[in-house]
């Protein structure tokens, strides 16, 4: 798994930010340089060494009651982006949450949607940004939506602009890059449309689940795959706007609500209100906020409830993904 550890040190150190990144539980011995993103200084520290020792399995003496470790809020992000993108997109929000709550915020994710779901069901997350489909499966653990981005988005199937593929029928026998079985925009809608054309997604196509939208886009661009499945507004982001015209859309999904920000069952209501305030206070009128909103592919963040996702649940509840409990 990979873990992103964000923590602002005390006020005497003036805005120094420390980041730790580990892949498959193997510590990486260098800090990640994101100073351009946050305008802060990145330095190796005793805290960094502490984290490395912990990950290596070295036993750290338990602190005395007078020095109990501070409470940490785990902020989980569904693994639909690369680790680098997650840092750039959600690091600034984690920093703001720390400042507002006066508590440490740990930014975490998982290697894939199934692991993210399993950890959510185990109650490991305090705050999470989840794909709607995964959120529905996390409901037994008591997670509640408190905010979401607007407007909604659409999934789509893209091909290279010079591709001979013009429609769903011509996808038979082709190589398809998808996000995962949990993703409506990145697989489920396309599977349903294939069935409407009497095409079996398993027998009649070679579908590979790549997990990350970046990988899907470059896989199609570099001719490794014939078709790519993703949320279409990703092509409008700064990372991909320059190559947007190299693709054509051959199929679109129904409207999809933005990923909900959900909180763990039993969270103090004052903490919930403070988190919601940080999220919904992001304003497109402020340059620094607009940058965050654009990176999230939304115009703003508004309050949300479970009822905001009921209509979409009716669209997908009969899917194979929900039949697998």
Protein backbone atom coordinates (compact mmCIF):
# COMPACT_ATOMS: atom_id res chain seq x y z
CA UNK A 1 0.00 0.00 0.00
CA UNK A 2 1.04 3.56 -0.17
CA UNK A 3 0.80 6.09 2.57
CA UNK A 4 1.07 9.82 2.46
CA UNK A 5 1.80 11.43 5.80
CA UNK A 6 1.15 15.16 6.09
CA UNK A 7 1.74 17.07 9.27
CA UNK A 8 2.29 20.69 10.16
CA UNK A 9 4.75 21.08 12.99
CA UNK A 10 4.25 23.51 15.84
CA UNK A 11 3.99 27.23 15.33
CA UNK A 12 7.61 27.87 16.36
CA UNK A 13 8.74 26.18 13.14
CA UNK A 14 6.62 28.46 10.97
CA UNK A 15 4.84 26.60 8.22
CA UNK A 16 7.33 23.79 7.56
CA UNK A 17 5.52 20.80 6.04
CA UNK A 18 6.77 17.22 6.23
CA UNK A 19 5.71 14.43 3.91
CA UNK A 20 6.38 10.71 4.07
CA UNK A 21 5.64 8.33 1.21
CA UNK A 22 5.90 4.56 1.24
CA UNK A 23 5.12 2.00 -1.46
CA UNK A 24 4.23 -1.61 -0.60
CA UNK A 25 5.37 -0.89 2.95
CA UNK A 26 8.93 -0.18 1.74
CA UNK A 27 10.15 3.15 3.13
CA UNK A 28 11.60 5.65 0.71
CA UNK A 29 14.43 7.57 2.28
CA UNK A 30 13.86 10.93 0.62
CA UNK A 31 11.23 13.55 1.22
CA UNK A 32 9.01 14.54 -1.70
CA UNK A 33 9.50 18.06 -2.99
CA UNK A 34 6.11 19.72 -3.12
CA UNK A 35 7.28 23.14 -1.98
CA UNK A 36 6.08 24.62 -5.24
CA UNK A 37 2.59 23.38 -4.46
CA UNK A 38 2.33 24.77 -0.98
CA UNK A 39 5.03 27.41 -0.80
CA UNK A 40 6.59 25.66 2.20
CA UNK A 41 10.03 24.26 2.98
CA UNK A 42 10.61 20.52 2.98
CA UNK A 43 13.30 19.16 5.32
CA UNK A 44 14.30 15.72 6.68
CA UNK A 45 13.51 15.61 10.39
CA UNK A 46 13.56 13.49 13.48
CA UNK A 47 9.87 12.89 12.82
CA UNK A 48 10.76 11.51 9.39
CA UNK A 49 13.27 9.11 11.00
CA UNK A 50 10.60 8.12 13.53
CA UNK A 51 8.23 7.21 10.70
CA UNK A 52 10.89 5.17 8.92
CA UNK A 53 11.66 3.21 12.09
CA UNK A 54 7.97 2.55 12.64
CA UNK A 55 7.51 1.26 9.09
CA UNK A 56 10.58 -0.96 9.42
CA UNK A 57 8.99 -2.57 12.44
CA UNK A 58 11.38 -1.14 15.05
CA UNK A 59 9.68 -1.07 18.44
CA UNK A 60 9.28 2.47 19.70
CA UNK A 61 8.84 2.83 23.47
CA UNK A 62 5.31 3.78 24.37
CA UNK A 63 5.15 7.41 25.47
CA UNK A 64 4.33 8.20 29.05
CA UNK A 65 0.83 9.49 29.84
CA UNK A 66 2.24 13.00 30.02
CA UNK A 67 3.40 12.70 26.41
CA UNK A 68 0.52 10.85 24.74
CA UNK A 69 0.53 11.10 20.95
CA UNK A 70 -1.99 13.61 19.60
CA UNK A 71 -5.19 12.38 18.02
CA UNK A 72 -4.81 11.89 14.28
CA UNK A 73 -7.63 12.27 11.77
CA UNK A 74 -7.25 9.86 8.85
CA UNK A 75 -8.36 11.50 5.60
CA UNK A 76 -8.66 8.80 2.93
CA UNK A 77 -8.82 9.44 -0.80
CA UNK A 78 -10.20 6.83 -3.17
CA UNK A 79 -7.29 5.60 -5.36
CA UNK A 80 -8.46 6.98 -8.68
CA UNK A 81 -5.36 9.15 -9.15
CA UNK A 82 -1.62 8.60 -8.92
CA UNK A 83 0.04 9.22 -5.51
CA UNK A 84 1.66 12.37 -6.90
CA UNK A 85 -1.71 13.72 -8.04
CA UNK A 86 -3.30 12.93 -4.67
CA UNK A 87 -0.62 14.95 -2.88
CA UNK A 88 -1.07 17.90 -5.21
CA UNK A 89 -4.87 17.83 -5.08
CA UNK A 90 -5.59 17.04 -1.44
CA UNK A 91 -2.47 18.17 0.39
CA UNK A 92 -3.68 21.79 0.58
CA UNK A 93 -7.05 20.65 1.95
CA UNK A 94 -5.35 18.47 4.58
CA UNK A 95 -3.28 21.46 5.68
CA UNK A 96 -6.38 23.64 6.03
CA UNK A 97 -8.15 20.96 8.01
CA UNK A 98 -5.23 20.74 10.42
CA UNK A 99 -5.28 24.48 10.94
CA UNK A 100 -9.03 24.54 11.54
CA UNK A 101 -9.25 21.46 13.76
CA UNK A 102 -6.02 21.90 15.66
CA UNK A 103 -5.35 18.18 15.14
CA UNK A 104 -3.04 16.23 12.90
CA UNK A 105 -4.48 15.04 9.58
CA UNK A 106 -3.02 11.96 7.91
CA UNK A 107 -3.67 11.69 4.17
CA UNK A 108 -4.00 8.03 3.15
CA UNK A 109 -5.26 5.86 0.31
CA UNK A 110 -5.02 2.26 -0.89
CA UNK A 111 -3.53 0.38 -3.86
CA UNK A 112 -6.98 -0.34 -5.33
CA UNK A 113 -10.70 0.13 -4.84
CA UNK A 114 -11.22 -3.26 -3.16
CA UNK A 115 -8.62 -2.51 -0.49
CA UNK A 116 -9.99 0.99 0.01
CA UNK A 117 -13.45 -0.52 0.58
CA UNK A 118 -12.16 -3.16 2.97
CA UNK A 119 -10.38 -0.56 5.10
CA UNK A 120 -13.44 1.66 5.07
CA UNK A 121 -15.65 -1.20 6.25
CA UNK A 122 -13.11 -1.85 9.01
CA UNK A 123 -13.63 1.73 10.19
CA UNK A 124 -10.05 2.84 9.48
CA UNK A 125 -11.01 6.23 8.03
CA UNK A 126 -12.32 9.28 9.86
CA UNK A 127 -12.92 11.31 6.71
CA UNK A 128 -12.97 9.92 3.19
CA UNK A 129 -13.50 11.00 -0.38
CA UNK A 130 -15.03 7.95 -1.99
CA UNK A 131 -16.33 6.99 -5.40
CA UNK A 132 -20.15 6.86 -5.11
CA UNK A 133 -20.19 3.14 -5.86
CA UNK A 134 -17.71 2.37 -3.07
CA UNK A 135 -19.54 4.71 -0.69
CA UNK A 136 -22.73 2.68 -1.16
CA UNK A 137 -20.85 -0.46 -0.11
CA UNK A 138 -19.36 1.38 2.89
CA UNK A 139 -22.80 2.25 4.28
CA UNK A 140 -22.85 -0.72 6.72
CA UNK A 141 -19.89 0.89 8.51
CA UNK A 142 -21.98 4.00 9.14
CA UNK A 143 -20.25 6.57 6.92
CA UNK A 144 -22.32 9.70 6.23
CA UNK A 145 -21.94 12.23 3.39
CA UNK A 146 -21.31 15.79 4.55
CA UNK A 147 -20.20 17.53 1.34
CA UNK A 148 -19.74 17.06 -2.38
CA UNK A 149 -18.47 18.95 -5.38
CA UNK A 150 -20.65 20.40 -8.12
CA UNK A 151 -21.50 20.11 -10.94
CA UNK A 152 -21.95 16.42 -11.72
CA UNK A 153 -19.83 14.63 -14.33
CA UNK A 154 -20.08 11.94 -17.01
CA UNK A 155 -18.12 8.83 -17.84
CA UNK A 156 -17.06 8.05 -21.36
CA UNK A 157 -15.29 5.73 -23.74
CA UNK A 158 -12.49 7.40 -25.68
CA UNK A 159 -10.42 6.34 -28.68
CA UNK A 160 -7.55 8.01 -30.48
CA UNK A 161 -8.68 10.63 -32.98
CA UNK A 162 -7.24 8.55 -35.84
CA UNK A 163 -8.95 5.34 -34.66
CA UNK A 164 -11.29 3.46 -36.98
CA UNK A 165 -13.60 2.76 -34.04
CA UNK A 166 -16.71 4.95 -34.30
CA UNK A 167 -19.22 3.25 -32.00
CA UNK A 168 -19.87 0.52 -29.44
CA UNK A 169 -20.43 -2.20 -32.05
CA UNK A 170 -16.91 -1.73 -33.38
CA UNK A 171 -15.37 -2.38 -29.95
CA UNK A 172 -15.76 -6.14 -30.30
CA UNK A 173 -12.38 -7.85 -30.07
CA UNK A 174 -10.58 -4.65 -29.03
CA UNK A 175 -8.26 -3.94 -26.10
CA UNK A 176 -9.92 -1.72 -23.50
CA UNK A 177 -8.31 0.18 -20.62
CA UNK A 178 -10.69 0.59 -17.66
CA UNK A 179 -10.42 1.95 -14.11
CA UNK A 180 -11.98 -0.92 -12.13
CA UNK A 181 -15.14 -2.91 -11.58
CA UNK A 182 -16.10 -0.43 -8.82
CA UNK A 183 -16.05 2.56 -11.19
CA UNK A 184 -19.24 3.59 -12.95
CA UNK A 185 -17.51 6.15 -15.18
CA UNK A 186 -14.50 3.90 -15.69
CA UNK A 187 -16.28 0.59 -16.45
CA UNK A 188 -19.81 -0.12 -15.28
CA UNK A 189 -21.68 2.16 -17.72
CA UNK A 190 -19.69 0.74 -20.64
CA UNK A 191 -20.43 -2.86 -19.62
CA UNK A 192 -24.15 -2.06 -19.58
CA UNK A 193 -23.97 -0.49 -23.04
CA UNK A 194 -22.04 -3.47 -24.39
CA UNK A 195 -24.79 -5.79 -23.18
CA UNK A 196 -27.37 -3.66 -24.99
CA UNK A 197 -25.41 -4.42 -28.17
CA UNK A 198 -25.13 -8.14 -27.34
CA UNK A 199 -21.40 -7.87 -26.62
CA UNK A 200 -20.00 -9.79 -23.66
CA UNK A 201 -17.41 -7.73 -21.79
CA UNK A 202 -15.47 -10.86 -20.79
CA UNK A 203 -15.65 -13.04 -23.90
CA UNK A 204 -15.74 -10.44 -26.66
CA UNK A 205 -13.18 -7.88 -25.43
CA UNK A 206 -9.80 -7.75 -23.73
CA UNK A 207 -10.46 -5.42 -20.78
CA UNK A 208 -7.61 -4.48 -18.44
CA UNK A 209 -8.26 -2.70 -15.14
CA UNK A 210 -5.50 -0.15 -14.64
CA UNK A 211 -6.79 1.67 -11.55
CA UNK A 212 -5.62 5.18 -12.44
CA UNK A 213 -7.14 7.55 -14.97
CA UNK A 214 -3.69 8.86 -15.95
CA UNK A 215 -2.65 5.35 -16.99
CA UNK A 216 -5.82 4.87 -19.01
CA UNK A 217 -5.31 8.09 -20.98
CA UNK A 218 -1.66 7.45 -21.79
CA UNK A 219 -2.38 3.82 -22.58
CA UNK A 220 -4.79 4.86 -25.33
CA UNK A 221 -2.60 7.73 -26.52
CA UNK A 222 0.42 5.41 -26.88
CA UNK A 223 -1.65 2.79 -28.75
CA UNK A 224 -1.35 0.15 -26.05
CA UNK A 225 -5.15 0.09 -25.84
CA UNK A 226 -7.84 0.79 -28.44
CA UNK A 227 -10.44 2.20 -26.03
CA UNK A 228 -10.19 3.96 -22.66
CA UNK A 229 -12.88 4.34 -20.00
CA UNK A 230 -12.81 7.33 -17.64
CA UNK A 231 -14.61 10.41 -16.32
CA UNK A 232 -14.61 12.72 -19.30
CA UNK A 233 -13.85 15.98 -17.49
CA UNK A 234 -10.38 14.63 -16.72
CA UNK A 235 -9.44 15.65 -20.25
CA UNK A 236 -10.23 19.26 -19.32
CA UNK A 237 -7.66 19.36 -16.52
CA UNK A 238 -4.29 21.13 -16.90
CA UNK A 239 -2.47 17.79 -17.15
CA UNK A 240 -4.41 16.70 -20.22
CA UNK A 241 -6.01 19.74 -21.88
CA UNK A 242 -3.08 19.96 -24.33
CA UNK A 243 -3.78 16.44 -25.66
CA UNK A 244 -7.57 16.50 -25.42
CA UNK A 245 -7.97 16.87 -29.20
CA UNK A 246 -6.07 13.63 -29.76
CA UNK A 247 -9.14 11.69 -28.59
CA UNK A 248 -12.74 11.14 -29.65
CA UNK A 249 -15.65 10.09 -27.43
CA UNK A 250 -17.66 7.13 -28.72
CA UNK A 251 -19.95 6.54 -25.72
CA UNK A 252 -21.17 8.47 -22.66
CA UNK A 253 -22.65 7.45 -19.32
CA UNK A 254 -25.62 8.79 -17.44
CA UNK A 255 -25.01 11.78 -15.14
CA UNK A 256 -22.86 10.93 -12.10
CA UNK A 257 -22.82 12.89 -8.82
CA UNK A 258 -19.40 14.01 -7.62
CA UNK A 259 -17.54 11.84 -5.11
CA UNK A 260 -18.94 12.43 -1.60
CA UNK A 261 -16.85 13.51 1.37
CA UNK A 262 -18.01 11.14 4.11
CA UNK A 263 -17.30 10.98 7.85
CA UNK A 264 -17.09 8.05 10.20
CA UNK A 265 -20.01 7.09 12.41
CA UNK A 266 -19.83 8.72 15.82
CA UNK A 267 -17.63 11.65 14.89
CA UNK A 268 -18.19 14.66 17.15
CA UNK A 269 -20.67 17.01 15.48
CA UNK A 270 -18.48 20.03 16.10
CA UNK A 271 -15.68 18.30 14.22
CA UNK A 272 -18.08 17.41 11.41
CA UNK A 273 -19.24 21.02 11.18
CA UNK A 274 -15.65 22.29 11.14
CA UNK A 275 -14.67 19.88 8.34
CA UNK A 276 -17.73 20.87 6.31
CA UNK A 277 -16.91 24.53 6.84
CA UNK A 278 -13.35 24.09 5.51
CA UNK A 279 -14.61 22.25 2.43
CA UNK A 280 -17.53 24.52 1.57
CA UNK A 281 -15.56 27.71 2.20
CA UNK A 282 -13.38 27.11 -0.84
CA UNK A 283 -14.27 30.01 -3.14
CA UNK A 284 -13.60 30.36 -6.89
CA UNK A 285 -13.19 34.09 -6.21
CA UNK A 286 -9.91 33.40 -4.38
CA UNK A 287 -6.98 32.42 -6.64
CA UNK A 288 -5.55 29.88 -4.19
CA UNK A 289 -8.99 28.27 -3.72
CA UNK A 290 -9.72 28.28 -7.45
CA UNK A 291 -6.54 26.29 -8.05
CA UNK A 292 -7.73 23.63 -5.60
CA UNK A 293 -11.23 23.51 -7.09
CA UNK A 294 -9.89 23.19 -10.63
CA UNK A 295 -7.62 20.34 -9.59
CA UNK A 296 -10.71 18.56 -8.21
CA UNK A 297 -12.59 19.22 -11.47
CA UNK A 298 -15.40 21.07 -9.71
CA UNK A 299 -16.75 24.62 -9.44
CA UNK A 300 -17.37 24.53 -5.70
CA UNK A 301 -18.13 22.26 -2.74
CA UNK A 302 -21.58 22.23 -1.13
CA UNK A 303 -23.13 20.44 1.83
CA UNK A 304 -24.50 16.96 1.08
CA UNK A 305 -26.65 14.23 2.60
CA UNK A 306 -27.32 10.57 1.85
CA UNK A 307 -30.43 11.61 -0.06
CA UNK A 308 -28.32 13.36 -2.69
CA UNK A 309 -27.10 9.94 -3.86
CA UNK A 310 -30.37 7.98 -3.76
CA UNK A 311 -31.21 8.65 -7.41
CA UNK A 312 -27.83 7.45 -8.65
CA UNK A 313 -28.04 4.36 -6.45
CA UNK A 314 -31.24 3.38 -8.26
CA UNK A 315 -29.33 3.58 -11.55
CA UNK A 316 -26.57 1.18 -10.49
CA UNK A 317 -27.97 -1.03 -7.72
CA UNK A 318 -28.70 -3.92 -10.09
CA UNK A 319 -25.12 -4.00 -11.40
CA UNK A 320 -22.84 -7.01 -11.00
CA UNK A 321 -20.62 -4.98 -8.67
CA UNK A 322 -23.39 -4.77 -6.04
CA UNK A 323 -24.33 -8.41 -6.43
CA UNK A 324 -20.87 -9.32 -5.10
CA UNK A 325 -21.15 -8.78 -1.37
